[in-house]
N, C-alpha and C. Protein backbone atom coordinates (compact mmCIF):
# COMPACT_ATOMS: atom_id res chain seq x y z
N MET A 1 0.74 -2.50 -9.17
CA MET A 1 1.86 -3.31 -9.61
C MET A 1 2.55 -3.92 -8.39
N THR A 2 2.79 -5.20 -8.41
CA THR A 2 3.44 -5.88 -7.30
C THR A 2 4.95 -5.69 -7.40
N THR A 3 5.54 -5.38 -6.27
CA THR A 3 6.98 -5.17 -6.17
C THR A 3 7.56 -6.16 -5.19
N ARG A 4 8.69 -6.77 -5.55
CA ARG A 4 9.41 -7.63 -4.61
C ARG A 4 10.44 -6.75 -3.93
N LEU A 5 10.37 -6.71 -2.61
CA LEU A 5 11.21 -5.84 -1.81
C LEU A 5 12.00 -6.67 -0.81
N TYR A 6 13.29 -6.38 -0.70
CA TYR A 6 14.20 -7.06 0.23
C TYR A 6 14.48 -6.10 1.37
N LEU A 7 14.06 -6.47 2.58
CA LEU A 7 14.15 -5.58 3.74
C LEU A 7 15.18 -6.09 4.74
N PRO A 8 16.20 -5.28 5.07
CA PRO A 8 17.16 -5.68 6.09
C PRO A 8 16.51 -5.68 7.47
N ALA A 9 16.89 -6.67 8.28
CA ALA A 9 16.30 -6.78 9.62
C ALA A 9 17.27 -7.51 10.54
N THR A 10 16.80 -7.73 11.75
CA THR A 10 17.47 -8.58 12.73
C THR A 10 16.41 -9.57 13.22
N LEU A 11 16.81 -10.58 13.97
CA LEU A 11 15.82 -11.51 14.52
C LEU A 11 14.85 -10.78 15.44
N ASP A 12 15.37 -9.82 16.21
CA ASP A 12 14.51 -9.05 17.11
C ASP A 12 13.47 -8.25 16.33
N LEU A 13 13.90 -7.58 15.27
CA LEU A 13 12.95 -6.84 14.44
C LEU A 13 11.92 -7.78 13.82
N LEU A 14 12.38 -8.91 13.29
CA LEU A 14 11.47 -9.87 12.68
C LEU A 14 10.44 -10.35 13.71
N ALA A 15 10.89 -10.61 14.93
CA ALA A 15 9.97 -11.05 15.98
C ALA A 15 8.92 -9.98 16.27
N ARG A 16 9.34 -8.72 16.34
CA ARG A 16 8.39 -7.63 16.60
C ARG A 16 7.40 -7.48 15.45
N TRP A 17 7.90 -7.56 14.21
CA TRP A 17 7.02 -7.45 13.05
C TRP A 17 6.02 -8.60 13.02
N HIS A 18 6.51 -9.80 13.31
CA HIS A 18 5.64 -10.98 13.30
C HIS A 18 4.55 -10.84 14.35
N ALA A 19 4.91 -10.40 15.55
CA ALA A 19 3.92 -10.22 16.62
C ALA A 19 2.90 -9.14 16.27
N ALA A 20 3.34 -8.09 15.59
CA ALA A 20 2.44 -6.99 15.21
C ALA A 20 1.61 -7.35 13.98
N GLY A 21 2.06 -8.34 13.21
CA GLY A 21 1.34 -8.71 12.00
C GLY A 21 1.61 -7.83 10.81
N GLU A 22 2.58 -6.93 10.96
CA GLU A 22 2.92 -6.03 9.85
C GLU A 22 4.34 -5.49 10.00
N ILE A 23 4.86 -5.05 8.87
CA ILE A 23 6.17 -4.41 8.83
C ILE A 23 5.91 -2.91 8.70
N PRO A 24 6.45 -2.10 9.60
CA PRO A 24 6.21 -0.66 9.52
C PRO A 24 6.70 -0.09 8.19
N ALA A 25 6.14 1.01 7.80
CA ALA A 25 6.57 1.69 6.57
C ALA A 25 8.06 1.96 6.65
N THR A 26 8.76 1.70 5.56
CA THR A 26 10.20 1.93 5.52
C THR A 26 10.63 2.21 4.10
N ASP A 27 11.71 2.92 3.98
CA ASP A 27 12.30 3.11 2.65
C ASP A 27 13.68 2.46 2.60
N ASP A 28 13.92 1.54 3.53
CA ASP A 28 15.22 0.87 3.64
C ASP A 28 15.32 -0.39 2.79
N GLY A 29 14.31 -0.70 2.00
CA GLY A 29 14.32 -1.93 1.22
C GLY A 29 15.03 -1.77 -0.11
N TYR A 30 15.28 -2.91 -0.72
CA TYR A 30 15.94 -2.96 -2.02
C TYR A 30 15.05 -3.71 -3.01
N THR A 31 15.05 -3.27 -4.23
CA THR A 31 14.41 -4.00 -5.30
C THR A 31 15.50 -4.44 -6.27
N ALA A 32 15.26 -5.53 -6.97
CA ALA A 32 16.23 -6.02 -7.95
C ALA A 32 16.32 -5.04 -9.11
N PRO A 33 17.53 -4.82 -9.62
CA PRO A 33 17.68 -3.91 -10.76
C PRO A 33 17.05 -4.46 -12.04
N ASP A 34 16.84 -5.77 -12.08
CA ASP A 34 16.19 -6.42 -13.22
C ASP A 34 15.60 -7.74 -12.74
N ALA A 35 14.94 -8.47 -13.63
CA ALA A 35 14.23 -9.69 -13.24
C ALA A 35 15.09 -10.95 -13.32
N THR A 36 16.39 -10.79 -13.40
CA THR A 36 17.27 -11.95 -13.47
C THR A 36 17.59 -12.48 -12.08
N GLU A 37 18.07 -13.70 -12.04
CA GLU A 37 18.51 -14.29 -10.77
C GLU A 37 19.64 -13.47 -10.16
N GLU A 38 20.52 -12.96 -11.01
CA GLU A 38 21.64 -12.14 -10.53
C GLU A 38 21.13 -10.83 -9.92
N GLY A 39 20.11 -10.25 -10.54
CA GLY A 39 19.53 -9.02 -10.01
C GLY A 39 18.87 -9.23 -8.65
N GLU A 40 18.15 -10.35 -8.53
CA GLU A 40 17.52 -10.69 -7.25
C GLU A 40 18.60 -10.90 -6.18
N TYR A 41 19.67 -11.61 -6.55
CA TYR A 41 20.75 -11.88 -5.60
C TYR A 41 21.42 -10.58 -5.16
N ALA A 42 21.61 -9.65 -6.10
CA ALA A 42 22.23 -8.36 -5.77
C ALA A 42 21.38 -7.61 -4.75
N ALA A 43 20.05 -7.61 -4.91
CA ALA A 43 19.17 -6.94 -3.96
C ALA A 43 19.23 -7.63 -2.60
N LEU A 44 19.23 -8.95 -2.61
CA LEU A 44 19.33 -9.72 -1.36
C LEU A 44 20.60 -9.38 -0.61
N MET A 45 21.72 -9.36 -1.32
CA MET A 45 23.01 -9.12 -0.65
C MET A 45 23.15 -7.66 -0.20
N ALA A 46 22.56 -6.72 -0.93
CA ALA A 46 22.58 -5.32 -0.47
C ALA A 46 21.81 -5.20 0.84
N ALA A 47 20.66 -5.87 0.92
CA ALA A 47 19.89 -5.86 2.17
C ALA A 47 20.66 -6.58 3.28
N ALA A 48 21.36 -7.67 2.93
CA ALA A 48 22.16 -8.41 3.92
C ALA A 48 23.28 -7.53 4.47
N ASP A 49 23.88 -6.70 3.62
CA ASP A 49 24.92 -5.77 4.10
C ASP A 49 24.35 -4.79 5.11
N ASP A 50 23.16 -4.26 4.82
CA ASP A 50 22.52 -3.35 5.78
C ASP A 50 22.14 -4.08 7.07
N SER A 51 21.72 -5.33 6.93
CA SER A 51 21.40 -6.12 8.12
C SER A 51 22.64 -6.34 8.97
N ALA A 52 23.78 -6.55 8.32
CA ALA A 52 25.04 -6.72 9.07
C ALA A 52 25.33 -5.49 9.91
N ALA A 53 25.04 -4.31 9.38
CA ALA A 53 25.25 -3.08 10.15
C ALA A 53 24.29 -3.04 11.34
N LEU A 54 23.05 -3.49 11.14
CA LEU A 54 22.09 -3.54 12.25
C LEU A 54 22.55 -4.53 13.31
N VAL A 55 23.03 -5.68 12.88
CA VAL A 55 23.50 -6.71 13.81
C VAL A 55 24.72 -6.21 14.57
N GLY A 56 25.61 -5.51 13.88
CA GLY A 56 26.81 -4.97 14.52
C GLY A 56 26.48 -3.97 15.60
N ALA A 57 25.36 -3.30 15.45
CA ALA A 57 24.94 -2.29 16.43
C ALA A 57 24.18 -2.93 17.59
N ALA A 58 23.75 -4.18 17.42
CA ALA A 58 22.96 -4.84 18.46
C ALA A 58 23.88 -5.42 19.53
N PRO A 59 23.46 -5.36 20.80
CA PRO A 59 24.27 -5.96 21.86
C PRO A 59 24.45 -7.45 21.61
N GLY A 60 25.67 -7.93 21.66
CA GLY A 60 25.95 -9.35 21.50
C GLY A 60 25.92 -9.84 20.07
N GLY A 61 25.73 -8.93 19.10
CA GLY A 61 25.68 -9.35 17.70
C GLY A 61 24.44 -10.17 17.42
N GLY A 62 24.49 -10.97 16.42
CA GLY A 62 23.33 -11.78 16.07
C GLY A 62 23.43 -12.31 14.66
N ARG A 63 22.29 -12.52 14.05
CA ARG A 63 22.22 -13.08 12.71
C ARG A 63 21.63 -12.07 11.75
N ARG A 64 22.24 -11.98 10.56
CA ARG A 64 21.66 -11.13 9.52
C ARG A 64 20.31 -11.73 9.10
N VAL A 65 19.36 -10.87 8.84
CA VAL A 65 18.03 -11.30 8.40
C VAL A 65 17.60 -10.38 7.26
N VAL A 66 17.05 -10.99 6.20
CA VAL A 66 16.45 -10.24 5.10
C VAL A 66 15.05 -10.79 4.90
N VAL A 67 14.07 -9.90 4.98
CA VAL A 67 12.67 -10.28 4.79
C VAL A 67 12.28 -9.90 3.36
N VAL A 68 11.72 -10.86 2.64
CA VAL A 68 11.32 -10.62 1.25
C VAL A 68 9.81 -10.52 1.20
N VAL A 69 9.33 -9.38 0.68
CA VAL A 69 7.89 -9.18 0.54
C VAL A 69 7.55 -8.91 -0.92
N GLU A 70 6.36 -9.34 -1.29
CA GLU A 70 5.78 -8.96 -2.58
C GLU A 70 4.55 -8.15 -2.25
N THR A 71 4.57 -6.88 -2.63
CA THR A 71 3.54 -5.97 -2.16
C THR A 71 3.10 -4.99 -3.24
N ASP A 72 1.88 -4.53 -3.11
CA ASP A 72 1.36 -3.43 -3.91
C ASP A 72 1.40 -2.13 -3.11
N VAL A 73 1.76 -2.23 -1.86
CA VAL A 73 1.76 -1.08 -0.96
C VAL A 73 2.94 -0.17 -1.32
N SER A 74 2.63 1.08 -1.62
CA SER A 74 3.71 2.02 -1.95
C SER A 74 4.12 2.84 -0.75
N ALA A 75 3.26 2.94 0.23
CA ALA A 75 3.58 3.65 1.46
C ALA A 75 2.76 3.02 2.58
N GLY A 76 3.26 3.14 3.78
CA GLY A 76 2.54 2.58 4.91
C GLY A 76 3.02 1.19 5.25
N PRO A 77 2.43 0.62 6.28
CA PRO A 77 2.88 -0.70 6.73
C PRO A 77 2.53 -1.79 5.70
N VAL A 78 3.34 -2.85 5.72
CA VAL A 78 3.14 -4.00 4.84
C VAL A 78 2.68 -5.17 5.71
N PRO A 79 1.55 -5.77 5.39
CA PRO A 79 1.07 -6.92 6.18
C PRO A 79 2.05 -8.09 6.09
N MET A 80 2.22 -8.81 7.19
CA MET A 80 3.09 -9.98 7.19
C MET A 80 2.62 -11.04 6.20
N SER A 81 1.36 -10.99 5.81
CA SER A 81 0.85 -11.94 4.82
C SER A 81 1.51 -11.74 3.46
N GLU A 82 2.17 -10.61 3.25
CA GLU A 82 2.85 -10.35 1.99
C GLU A 82 4.32 -10.78 2.02
N VAL A 83 4.77 -11.33 3.14
CA VAL A 83 6.12 -11.89 3.21
C VAL A 83 6.12 -13.20 2.43
N VAL A 84 7.09 -13.34 1.53
CA VAL A 84 7.17 -14.57 0.72
C VAL A 84 8.32 -15.47 1.16
N ALA A 85 9.29 -14.91 1.87
CA ALA A 85 10.43 -15.69 2.36
C ALA A 85 11.24 -14.85 3.32
N VAL A 86 12.04 -15.54 4.10
CA VAL A 86 13.01 -14.88 4.98
C VAL A 86 14.35 -15.56 4.75
N HIS A 87 15.39 -14.76 4.66
CA HIS A 87 16.75 -15.28 4.56
C HIS A 87 17.47 -14.86 5.83
N ALA A 88 18.24 -15.78 6.42
CA ALA A 88 18.95 -15.47 7.67
C ALA A 88 20.21 -16.30 7.77
N ASP A 89 21.16 -15.79 8.53
CA ASP A 89 22.34 -16.59 8.84
C ASP A 89 21.91 -17.81 9.64
N PRO A 90 22.48 -18.98 9.34
CA PRO A 90 22.12 -20.16 10.13
C PRO A 90 22.72 -20.14 11.54
N ALA A 91 23.71 -19.29 11.76
CA ALA A 91 24.38 -19.15 13.06
C ALA A 91 24.76 -17.67 13.20
N PRO A 92 25.24 -17.25 14.37
CA PRO A 92 25.63 -15.84 14.51
C PRO A 92 26.56 -15.39 13.40
N PHE A 93 26.31 -14.18 12.93
CA PHE A 93 27.03 -13.58 11.80
C PHE A 93 28.51 -13.41 12.10
N THR A 94 29.35 -13.91 11.20
CA THR A 94 30.79 -13.69 11.31
C THR A 94 31.43 -13.36 9.97
N ASP A 95 30.86 -13.84 8.85
CA ASP A 95 31.50 -13.71 7.55
C ASP A 95 30.53 -13.10 6.55
N PRO A 96 30.84 -11.89 6.04
CA PRO A 96 29.93 -11.24 5.09
C PRO A 96 29.80 -11.99 3.76
N GLU A 97 30.72 -12.91 3.48
CA GLU A 97 30.65 -13.68 2.24
C GLU A 97 29.80 -14.94 2.37
N GLU A 98 29.42 -15.28 3.60
CA GLU A 98 28.63 -16.49 3.82
C GLU A 98 27.21 -16.30 3.31
N ASP A 99 26.68 -17.33 2.65
CA ASP A 99 25.31 -17.28 2.14
C ASP A 99 24.31 -17.35 3.28
N LEU A 100 23.18 -16.73 3.06
CA LEU A 100 22.10 -16.79 4.01
C LEU A 100 21.25 -18.03 3.72
N ALA A 101 20.67 -18.60 4.76
CA ALA A 101 19.75 -19.72 4.61
C ALA A 101 18.37 -19.18 4.26
N TRP A 102 17.57 -19.97 3.54
CA TRP A 102 16.22 -19.59 3.15
C TRP A 102 15.23 -20.22 4.11
N TYR A 103 14.24 -19.44 4.54
CA TYR A 103 13.19 -19.94 5.43
C TYR A 103 11.83 -19.61 4.82
N ALA A 104 10.95 -20.59 4.83
CA ALA A 104 9.58 -20.37 4.38
C ALA A 104 8.83 -19.55 5.43
N THR A 105 7.76 -18.92 5.01
CA THR A 105 7.02 -18.05 5.93
C THR A 105 6.49 -18.80 7.15
N GLN A 106 6.12 -20.06 6.98
CA GLN A 106 5.61 -20.82 8.12
C GLN A 106 6.71 -21.17 9.13
N GLU A 107 7.97 -20.95 8.77
CA GLU A 107 9.09 -21.21 9.68
C GLU A 107 9.44 -19.98 10.53
N VAL A 108 8.84 -18.84 10.25
CA VAL A 108 9.17 -17.61 10.98
C VAL A 108 8.98 -17.76 12.49
N PRO A 109 7.87 -18.33 12.98
CA PRO A 109 7.74 -18.46 14.44
C PRO A 109 8.88 -19.25 15.08
N ASP A 110 9.32 -20.33 14.44
CA ASP A 110 10.44 -21.10 14.98
C ASP A 110 11.75 -20.32 14.88
N LEU A 111 11.91 -19.57 13.80
CA LEU A 111 13.13 -18.79 13.60
C LEU A 111 13.29 -17.74 14.68
N VAL A 112 12.22 -17.02 14.99
CA VAL A 112 12.32 -15.94 15.97
C VAL A 112 12.32 -16.44 17.41
N SER A 113 11.87 -17.67 17.64
CA SER A 113 11.88 -18.20 19.01
C SER A 113 13.14 -19.00 19.32
N GLY A 114 13.89 -19.33 18.30
CA GLY A 114 15.05 -20.20 18.52
C GLY A 114 16.32 -19.48 18.55
């Protein structure tokens, strides 16, 4: 069964995952409580809150990042090929109410290098 998982991250983590070609096994992800748009948004924002904590712990702050994967993997690393989108702050994080921008998977290299 395929599961859509929202994983909190930072740009640095995303860069490391992209270079490795996989996301290490984690239980830090969120799934939507239901298949509605509101449920998906709730999972996204819960992951964004966790990302804010990661960014707050990083030197110099940064941008919240949420990696969205659709996977059948129940344990172990998730291949980057299962990433369906990335959401990130368009600028350094300052406001928890600000919406995240959506990035297609082919934009990840530019996102992590810029």
